[in-house]
Amino acid sequence: MRRLPLLAAISALVASSALLSGCYTYPYGYPSTVSTPASFDRSWDAALGAANDAGVQVTSADRASGRIRGNKAGAAVYIDLNQQADGSLKVAFNAPDAKESNPTLQERWTAAYNRRMGR
């Protein structure tokens, strides 16, 4: 007679532990990627560093206007950083007269910029 309440208690304990095992949540949730706009300062520093990495000799850098000027093998180089209306930042590299033997200056600068931005 005394075994029936004990058996009922054990059954209830097993059933509740089985229910709770299905309710486990991961402490960190599901992995997700949150994209935040890059700050002007971080992008500015990355653009200057990337110019150096690509062999561009910077002749002037005006943070207020967002323009970096330089030259590479005698050709003018312009890097512009413009804040967009939606809060994003547009970074443009232009070397219209670059005629170096390896015409990948823009690609090298872009790769260096992305690397410095952690992309």
Protein backbone atom coordinates (compact mmCIF):
# COMPACT_ATOMS: atom_id res chain seq x y z
CA MET A 1 0.00 0.00 0.00
CA ARG A 2 2.77 2.33 0.83
CA ARG A 3 4.49 1.65 -2.51
CA LEU A 4 1.69 3.22 -4.56
CA PRO A 5 2.27 6.84 -3.39
CA LEU A 6 6.05 6.38 -3.76
CA LEU A 7 5.60 5.00 -7.28
CA ALA A 8 3.28 7.89 -8.15
CA ALA A 9 5.84 10.43 -6.87
CA ILE A 10 8.63 8.84 -8.92
CA SER A 11 6.42 8.78 -12.01
CA ALA A 12 5.59 12.45 -11.57
CA LEU A 13 9.28 13.30 -11.15
CA VAL A 14 10.24 11.38 -14.32
CA ALA A 15 7.42 12.97 -16.30
CA SER A 16 8.33 16.49 -15.19
CA SER A 17 12.02 15.98 -15.98
CA ALA A 18 11.06 14.67 -19.43
CA LEU A 19 8.95 17.78 -20.05
CA LEU A 20 11.68 20.12 -18.85
CA SER A 21 14.31 18.48 -21.03
CA GLY A 22 12.36 19.59 -24.11
CA CYS A 23 12.36 23.21 -22.92
CA TYR A 24 16.10 23.80 -22.86
CA THR A 25 17.14 27.09 -24.42
CA TYR A 26 20.65 27.91 -25.52
CA PRO A 27 22.15 30.63 -23.37
CA TYR A 28 23.42 32.61 -26.36
CA GLY A 29 20.50 32.17 -28.75
CA TYR A 30 20.92 31.52 -32.42
CA PRO A 31 23.92 32.99 -34.21
CA SER A 32 23.04 36.14 -36.07
CA THR A 33 24.87 38.83 -37.94
CA VAL A 34 24.11 42.44 -37.19
CA SER A 35 25.37 44.93 -39.70
CA THR A 36 26.05 48.40 -38.41
CA PRO A 37 27.24 51.28 -40.52
CA ALA A 38 30.94 51.95 -40.28
CA SER A 39 31.89 55.13 -38.48
CA PHE A 40 33.43 57.95 -40.48
CA ASP A 41 36.56 57.92 -38.32
CA ARG A 42 37.15 54.20 -38.77
CA SER A 43 36.56 54.44 -42.54
CA TRP A 44 38.83 57.49 -42.79
CA ASP A 45 41.67 55.71 -41.01
CA ALA A 46 41.16 52.59 -43.15
CA ALA A 47 41.18 54.68 -46.36
CA LEU A 48 44.44 56.41 -45.39
CA GLY A 49 46.06 53.12 -44.39
CA ALA A 50 44.87 51.41 -47.57
CA ALA A 51 46.37 54.22 -49.66
CA ASN A 52 49.70 53.59 -47.98
CA ASP A 53 49.33 49.81 -48.45
CA ALA A 54 48.69 50.33 -52.19
CA GLY A 55 51.75 52.57 -52.56
CA VAL A 56 49.85 55.85 -52.91
CA GLN A 57 51.80 58.85 -51.64
CA VAL A 58 49.22 60.97 -49.80
CA THR A 59 49.75 64.69 -50.45
CA SER A 60 46.72 66.05 -48.59
CA ALA A 61 43.98 64.70 -46.37
CA ASP A 62 41.04 66.95 -45.47
CA ARG A 63 38.85 65.12 -42.98
CA ALA A 64 36.20 67.90 -42.99
CA SER A 65 35.57 67.53 -46.72
CA GLY A 66 36.20 63.79 -46.73
CA ARG A 67 38.83 64.00 -49.48
CA ILE A 68 42.24 62.37 -49.61
CA ARG A 69 44.59 63.34 -52.46
CA GLY A 70 47.76 61.66 -53.48
CA ASN A 71 49.72 60.25 -56.38
CA LYS A 72 51.02 56.93 -57.55
CA ALA A 73 53.71 56.77 -60.23
CA GLY A 74 52.99 60.38 -61.20
CA ALA A 75 49.23 59.90 -61.55
CA ALA A 76 46.70 61.76 -59.39
CA VAL A 77 44.69 59.69 -56.93
CA TYR A 78 41.48 60.82 -55.18
CA ILE A 79 39.69 59.08 -52.34
CA ASP A 80 36.34 60.52 -51.27
CA LEU A 81 34.28 59.63 -48.20
CA ASN A 82 30.71 60.95 -48.33
CA GLN A 83 28.01 60.55 -45.70
CA GLN A 84 24.75 59.48 -47.39
CA ALA A 85 21.24 60.61 -46.42
CA ASP A 86 20.40 57.14 -45.07
CA GLY A 87 23.36 57.27 -42.66
CA SER A 88 25.62 55.01 -44.72
CA LEU A 89 29.05 56.05 -45.89
CA LYS A 90 30.12 56.00 -49.53
CA VAL A 91 33.85 55.53 -50.09
CA ALA A 92 35.12 56.10 -53.63
CA PHE A 93 38.60 55.62 -55.09
CA ASN A 94 39.53 57.31 -58.33
CA ALA A 95 42.83 57.28 -60.21
CA PRO A 96 41.83 58.44 -63.70
CA ASP A 97 45.34 58.81 -65.10
CA ALA A 98 47.02 55.77 -63.53
CA LYS A 99 49.03 54.03 -66.23
CA GLU A 100 51.26 51.83 -64.13
CA SER A 101 52.55 48.56 -65.53
CA ASN A 102 50.16 46.62 -63.27
CA PRO A 103 46.81 48.42 -63.80
CA THR A 104 45.19 47.03 -60.66
CA LEU A 105 45.74 50.02 -58.38
CA GLN A 106 42.04 50.38 -57.61
CA GLU A 107 41.68 46.65 -56.86
CA ARG A 108 44.75 46.69 -54.58
CA TRP A 109 43.47 49.75 -52.72
CA THR A 110 39.98 48.24 -52.38
CA ALA A 111 41.39 44.96 -51.05
CA ALA A 112 43.56 46.82 -48.54
CA TYR A 113 40.60 48.98 -47.45
CA ASN A 114 38.35 45.94 -46.96
CA ARG A 115 41.07 44.14 -45.02
CA ARG A 116 41.53 47.14 -42.72
CA MET A 117 37.75 47.32 -42.22
CA GLY A 118 37.71 43.65 -41.22
CA ARG A 119 35.76 42.46 -44.24
